[in-house]
């Protein structure tokens, strides 16, 4: 079994103040959310954190301060579910626990898509109707990163 934590970045400023959407940074609340996410995932065994190259996603990934390498990926910036799945498919099969920090609507849509039989009803109720910033969902699955067989939503926490 493998697990991936799908995370929507922390709260960001409304505009990029001349840096565009890609350059939007976390607010003080967003920085606190990133630290809280790090506390939640500290003992989860995360081996790698894939992150959108957008400033707010990278700040979230790095702000979690997990003992895992952070890999910025341009293709995760505003990625669709397919784009996120492609990034996960490139993970080394030796990795058993990964985290991914990206954006709505891709992250919440993928969580919904991967909520298969055996999913936790409380986690489903938490993320089904609203996926605010700093929300995290753990998807457990069988097989490799390129197939995510028998996925189930095992746990979620709302930022």
C-alpha atoms as a PDB file:
ATOM      1  CA  UNK A   1       0.000   0.000   0.000  1.00  0.00           C
ATOM      2  CA  UNK A   2       1.071   3.580  -0.736  1.00  0.00           C
ATOM      3  CA  UNK A   3      -0.274   6.935   0.425  1.00  0.00           C
ATOM      4  CA  UNK A   4      -0.383  10.449  -0.960  1.00  0.00           C
ATOM      5  CA  UNK A   5      -1.385  13.557   0.966  1.00  0.00           C
ATOM      6  CA  UNK A   6      -3.147  15.954  -1.410  1.00  0.00           C
ATOM      7  CA  UNK A   7      -2.882  19.489  -0.047  1.00  0.00           C
ATOM      8  CA  UNK A   8      -4.327  22.782  -1.183  1.00  0.00           C
ATOM      9  CA  UNK A   9      -1.794  25.567  -0.475  1.00  0.00           C
ATOM     10  CA  UNK A  10      -2.226  27.883   2.508  1.00  0.00           C
ATOM     11  CA  UNK A  11      -4.107  31.176   2.445  1.00  0.00           C
ATOM     12  CA  UNK A  12      -2.484  33.614   0.020  1.00  0.00           C
ATOM     13  CA  UNK A  13      -2.700  37.321  -0.606  1.00  0.00           C
ATOM     14  CA  UNK A  14      -5.454  38.341  -2.991  1.00  0.00           C
ATOM     15  CA  UNK A  15      -3.141  39.710  -5.680  1.00  0.00           C
ATOM     16  CA  UNK A  16       0.491  39.217  -6.551  1.00  0.00           C
ATOM     17  CA  UNK A  17       1.214  42.953  -6.143  1.00  0.00           C
ATOM     18  CA  UNK A  18       2.891  43.182  -9.506  1.00  0.00           C
ATOM     19  CA  UNK A  19       4.129  39.575  -9.447  1.00  0.00           C
ATOM     20  CA  UNK A  20       0.999  38.100 -11.048  1.00  0.00           C
ATOM     21  CA  UNK A  21      -0.936  35.081  -9.829  1.00  0.00           C
ATOM     22  CA  UNK A  22       2.165  32.856  -9.839  1.00  0.00           C
ATOM     23  CA  UNK A  23       3.903  35.270  -7.462  1.00  0.00           C
ATOM     24  CA  UNK A  24       1.149  35.458  -4.829  1.00  0.00           C
ATOM     25  CA  UNK A  25       2.610  34.737  -1.388  1.00  0.00           C
ATOM     26  CA  UNK A  26       1.127  33.378   1.827  1.00  0.00           C
ATOM     27  CA  UNK A  27      -0.516  35.656   4.348  1.00  0.00           C
ATOM     28  CA  UNK A  28       0.419  35.381   8.020  1.00  0.00           C
ATOM     29  CA  UNK A  29      -2.532  32.986   8.349  1.00  0.00           C
ATOM     30  CA  UNK A  30      -1.209  30.950   5.413  1.00  0.00           C
ATOM     31  CA  UNK A  31       2.211  30.662   7.046  1.00  0.00           C
ATOM     32  CA  UNK A  32       0.531  29.465  10.264  1.00  0.00           C
ATOM     33  CA  UNK A  33      -1.500  26.959   8.241  1.00  0.00           C
ATOM     34  CA  UNK A  34       1.681  25.575   6.658  1.00  0.00           C
ATOM     35  CA  UNK A  35       3.247  25.106  10.092  1.00  0.00           C
ATOM     36  CA  UNK A  36       0.090  23.351  11.316  1.00  0.00           C
ATOM     37  CA  UNK A  37       0.128  21.043   8.294  1.00  0.00           C
ATOM     38  CA  UNK A  38       3.709  20.184   9.169  1.00  0.00           C
ATOM     39  CA  UNK A  39       2.644  19.276  12.699  1.00  0.00           C
ATOM     40  CA  UNK A  40      -0.194  17.102  11.366  1.00  0.00           C
ATOM     41  CA  UNK A  41       2.120  15.248   8.969  1.00  0.00           C
ATOM     42  CA  UNK A  42       5.262  15.141  11.120  1.00  0.00           C
ATOM     43  CA  UNK A  43       4.910  11.421  11.857  1.00  0.00           C
ATOM     44  CA  UNK A  44       3.347  10.390   8.549  1.00  0.00           C
ATOM     45  CA  UNK A  45       6.582   9.226   6.947  1.00  0.00           C
ATOM     46  CA  UNK A  46       6.405  11.617   3.985  1.00  0.00           C
ATOM     47  CA  UNK A  47       9.433  10.966   1.786  1.00  0.00           C
ATOM     48  CA  UNK A  48       8.941  13.627  -0.879  1.00  0.00           C
ATOM     49  CA  UNK A  49       6.792  16.739  -1.312  1.00  0.00           C
ATOM     50  CA  UNK A  50       5.829  17.656  -4.867  1.00  0.00           C
ATOM     51  CA  UNK A  51       4.791  21.303  -5.092  1.00  0.00           C
ATOM     52  CA  UNK A  52       3.482  23.673  -7.690  1.00  0.00           C
ATOM     53  CA  UNK A  53       6.123  26.219  -8.609  1.00  0.00           C
ATOM     54  CA  UNK A  54       3.760  29.042  -7.571  1.00  0.00           C
ATOM     55  CA  UNK A  55       5.169  30.984  -4.623  1.00  0.00           C
ATOM     56  CA  UNK A  56       2.209  30.201  -2.335  1.00  0.00           C
ATOM     57  CA  UNK A  57       2.479  26.446  -2.941  1.00  0.00           C
ATOM     58  CA  UNK A  58       6.249  26.399  -2.436  1.00  0.00           C
ATOM     59  CA  UNK A  59       5.914  28.450   0.748  1.00  0.00           C
ATOM     60  CA  UNK A  60       3.344  25.949   2.010  1.00  0.00           C
ATOM     61  CA  UNK A  61       5.514  22.950   1.130  1.00  0.00           C
ATOM     62  CA  UNK A  62       8.627  24.429   2.711  1.00  0.00           C
ATOM     63  CA  UNK A  63       6.701  25.879   5.652  1.00  0.00           C
ATOM     64  CA  UNK A  64       5.576  22.390   6.654  1.00  0.00           C
ATOM     65  CA  UNK A  65       9.248  21.741   7.488  1.00  0.00           C
ATOM     66  CA  UNK A  66       8.933  18.008   6.909  1.00  0.00           C
ATOM     67  CA  UNK A  67      12.094  15.883   6.768  1.00  0.00           C
ATOM     68  CA  UNK A  68      11.491  15.293   3.057  1.00  0.00           C
ATOM     69  CA  UNK A  69      12.820  16.862  -0.114  1.00  0.00           C
ATOM     70  CA  UNK A  70      10.586  19.443  -1.779  1.00  0.00           C
ATOM     71  CA  UNK A  71      10.389  19.190  -5.579  1.00  0.00           C
ATOM     72  CA  UNK A  72       8.948  22.268  -7.330  1.00  0.00           C
ATOM     73  CA  UNK A  73       7.111  21.371 -10.530  1.00  0.00           C
ATOM     74  CA  UNK A  74       5.918  23.947 -13.051  1.00  0.00           C
ATOM     75  CA  UNK A  75       3.367  21.452 -14.366  1.00  0.00           C
ATOM     76  CA  UNK A  76       1.501  21.498 -11.032  1.00  0.00           C
ATOM     77  CA  UNK A  77       0.697  25.212 -11.337  1.00  0.00           C
ATOM     78  CA  UNK A  78      -3.100  25.224 -11.829  1.00  0.00           C
ATOM     79  CA  UNK A  79      -2.913  21.576 -12.937  1.00  0.00           C
ATOM     80  CA  UNK A  80      -5.979  19.545 -13.786  1.00  0.00           C
ATOM     81  CA  UNK A  81      -6.568  16.159 -12.207  1.00  0.00           C
ATOM     82  CA  UNK A  82      -4.784  14.582 -15.171  1.00  0.00           C
ATOM     83  CA  UNK A  83      -1.788  16.880 -14.701  1.00  0.00           C
ATOM     84  CA  UNK A  84      -1.564  15.957 -11.021  1.00  0.00           C
ATOM     85  CA  UNK A  85      -1.836  12.254 -11.841  1.00  0.00           C
ATOM     86  CA  UNK A  86       0.980  12.620 -14.384  1.00  0.00           C
ATOM     87  CA  UNK A  87       3.234  14.214 -11.756  1.00  0.00           C
ATOM     88  CA  UNK A  88       2.471  11.403  -9.310  1.00  0.00           C
ATOM     89  CA  UNK A  89       3.109   8.775 -12.010  1.00  0.00           C
ATOM     90  CA  UNK A  90       6.688  10.039 -12.314  1.00  0.00           C
ATOM     91  CA  UNK A  91       7.478   9.235  -8.679  1.00  0.00           C
ATOM     92  CA  UNK A  92      10.032   6.521  -8.001  1.00  0.00           C
ATOM     93  CA  UNK A  93       8.288   3.276  -7.050  1.00  0.00           C
ATOM     94  CA  UNK A  94      10.490   3.080  -3.942  1.00  0.00           C
ATOM     95  CA  UNK A  95       8.569   6.029  -2.494  1.00  0.00           C
ATOM     96  CA  UNK A  96       5.661   4.799  -0.359  1.00  0.00           C
ATOM     97  CA  UNK A  97       4.411   8.096   1.150  1.00  0.00           C
ATOM     98  CA  UNK A  98       4.323  11.381  -0.747  1.00  0.00           C
ATOM     99  CA  UNK A  99       2.695  14.769  -0.314  1.00  0.00           C
ATOM    100  CA  UNK A 100       1.596  17.101  -3.079  1.00  0.00           C
ATOM    101  CA  UNK A 101       0.855  20.819  -2.669  1.00  0.00           C
ATOM    102  CA  UNK A 102      -1.085  22.481  -5.468  1.00  0.00           C
ATOM    103  CA  UNK A 103      -4.269  24.407  -6.226  1.00  0.00           C
ATOM    104  CA  UNK A 104      -8.031  24.299  -6.540  1.00  0.00           C
ATOM    105  CA  UNK A 105      -9.842  23.102  -8.518  1.00  0.00           C
ATOM    106  CA  UNK A 106      -7.342  20.348  -9.400  1.00  0.00           C
ATOM    107  CA  UNK A 107      -6.596  19.079  -5.886  1.00  0.00           C
ATOM    108  CA  UNK A 108     -10.203  18.889  -4.625  1.00  0.00           C
ATOM    109  CA  UNK A 109     -11.373  17.387  -7.911  1.00  0.00           C
ATOM    110  CA  UNK A 110      -8.719  14.680  -7.707  1.00  0.00           C
ATOM    111  CA  UNK A 111      -9.612  13.873  -4.097  1.00  0.00           C
ATOM    112  CA  UNK A 112     -13.223  13.471  -5.211  1.00  0.00           C
ATOM    113  CA  UNK A 113     -12.143  11.293  -8.138  1.00  0.00           C
ATOM    114  CA  UNK A 114     -10.033   9.043  -5.888  1.00  0.00           C
ATOM    115  CA  UNK A 115     -12.707   8.601  -3.218  1.00  0.00           C
ATOM    116  CA  UNK A 116     -13.419   4.958  -3.944  1.00  0.00           C
ATOM    117  CA  UNK A 117     -15.018   2.064  -2.053  1.00  0.00           C
ATOM    118  CA  UNK A 118     -13.727   1.720   1.484  1.00  0.00           C
ATOM    119  CA  UNK A 119     -13.251   5.479   1.937  1.00  0.00           C
ATOM    120  CA  UNK A 120     -13.762   6.967   5.386  1.00  0.00           C
ATOM    121  CA  UNK A 121     -17.244   8.530   5.614  1.00  0.00           C
ATOM    122  CA  UNK A 122     -16.091  11.281   7.991  1.00  0.00           C
ATOM    123  CA  UNK A 123     -13.283  12.272   5.609  1.00  0.00           C
ATOM    124  CA  UNK A 124     -15.725  12.284   2.697  1.00  0.00           C
ATOM    125  CA  UNK A 125     -18.123  14.552   4.606  1.00  0.00           C
ATOM    126  CA  UNK A 126     -15.278  16.934   5.437  1.00  0.00           C
ATOM    127  CA  UNK A 127     -14.030  17.490   1.882  1.00  0.00           C
ATOM    128  CA  UNK A 128     -16.970  16.709  -0.381  1.00  0.00           C
ATOM    129  CA  UNK A 129     -18.614  20.139  -0.382  1.00  0.00           C
ATOM    130  CA  UNK A 130     -15.746  22.500   0.437  1.00  0.00           C
ATOM    131  CA  UNK A 131     -11.942  22.283   0.176  1.00  0.00           C
ATOM    132  CA  UNK A 132     -10.563  25.543   1.613  1.00  0.00           C
ATOM    133  CA  UNK A 133      -6.908  26.525   1.716  1.00  0.00           C
ATOM    134  CA  UNK A 134      -4.623  24.256   3.770  1.00  0.00           C
ATOM    135  CA  UNK A 135      -7.000  21.306   3.518  1.00  0.00           C
ATOM    136  CA  UNK A 136      -5.269  17.937   3.308  1.00  0.00           C
ATOM    137  CA  UNK A 137      -6.595  14.515   2.328  1.00  0.00           C
ATOM    138  CA  UNK A 138      -4.755  11.205   2.528  1.00  0.00           C
ATOM    139  CA  UNK A 139      -5.425   8.783  -0.286  1.00  0.00           C
ATOM    140  CA  UNK A 140      -4.314   5.189   0.265  1.00  0.00           C
ATOM    141  CA  UNK A 141      -4.008   2.911  -2.739  1.00  0.00           C
ATOM    142  CA  UNK A 142      -2.554  -0.326  -4.040  1.00  0.00           C
ATOM    143  CA  UNK A 143      -0.133  -0.765  -6.907  1.00  0.00           C
ATOM    144  CA  UNK A 144       2.197   1.801  -8.385  1.00  0.00           C
ATOM    145  CA  UNK A 145       2.181   5.559  -8.686  1.00  0.00           C
ATOM    146  CA  UNK A 146       1.176   5.254 -12.334  1.00  0.00           C
ATOM    147  CA  UNK A 147      -2.052   3.417 -11.557  1.00  0.00           C
ATOM    148  CA  UNK A 148      -3.259   4.281  -8.018  1.00  0.00           C
ATOM    149  CA  UNK A 149      -5.313   1.055  -7.907  1.00  0.00           C
ATOM    150  CA  UNK A 150      -8.257   0.754  -5.509  1.00  0.00           C
ATOM    151  CA  UNK A 151      -7.895   4.299  -4.130  1.00  0.00           C
ATOM    152  CA  UNK A 152      -9.681   5.280  -0.940  1.00  0.00           C
ATOM    153  CA  UNK A 153      -9.908   8.496   1.006  1.00  0.00           C
ATOM    154  CA  UNK A 154      -8.497   7.471   4.383  1.00  0.00           C
ATOM    155  CA  UNK A 155      -8.277  10.764   6.291  1.00  0.00           C
ATOM    156  CA  UNK A 156      -8.779  14.492   5.875  1.00  0.00           C
ATOM    157  CA  UNK A 157      -8.263  17.680   7.840  1.00  0.00           C
ATOM    158  CA  UNK A 158      -9.549  21.123   6.925  1.00  0.00           C
ATOM    159  CA  UNK A 159      -7.212  24.080   7.262  1.00  0.00           C
END
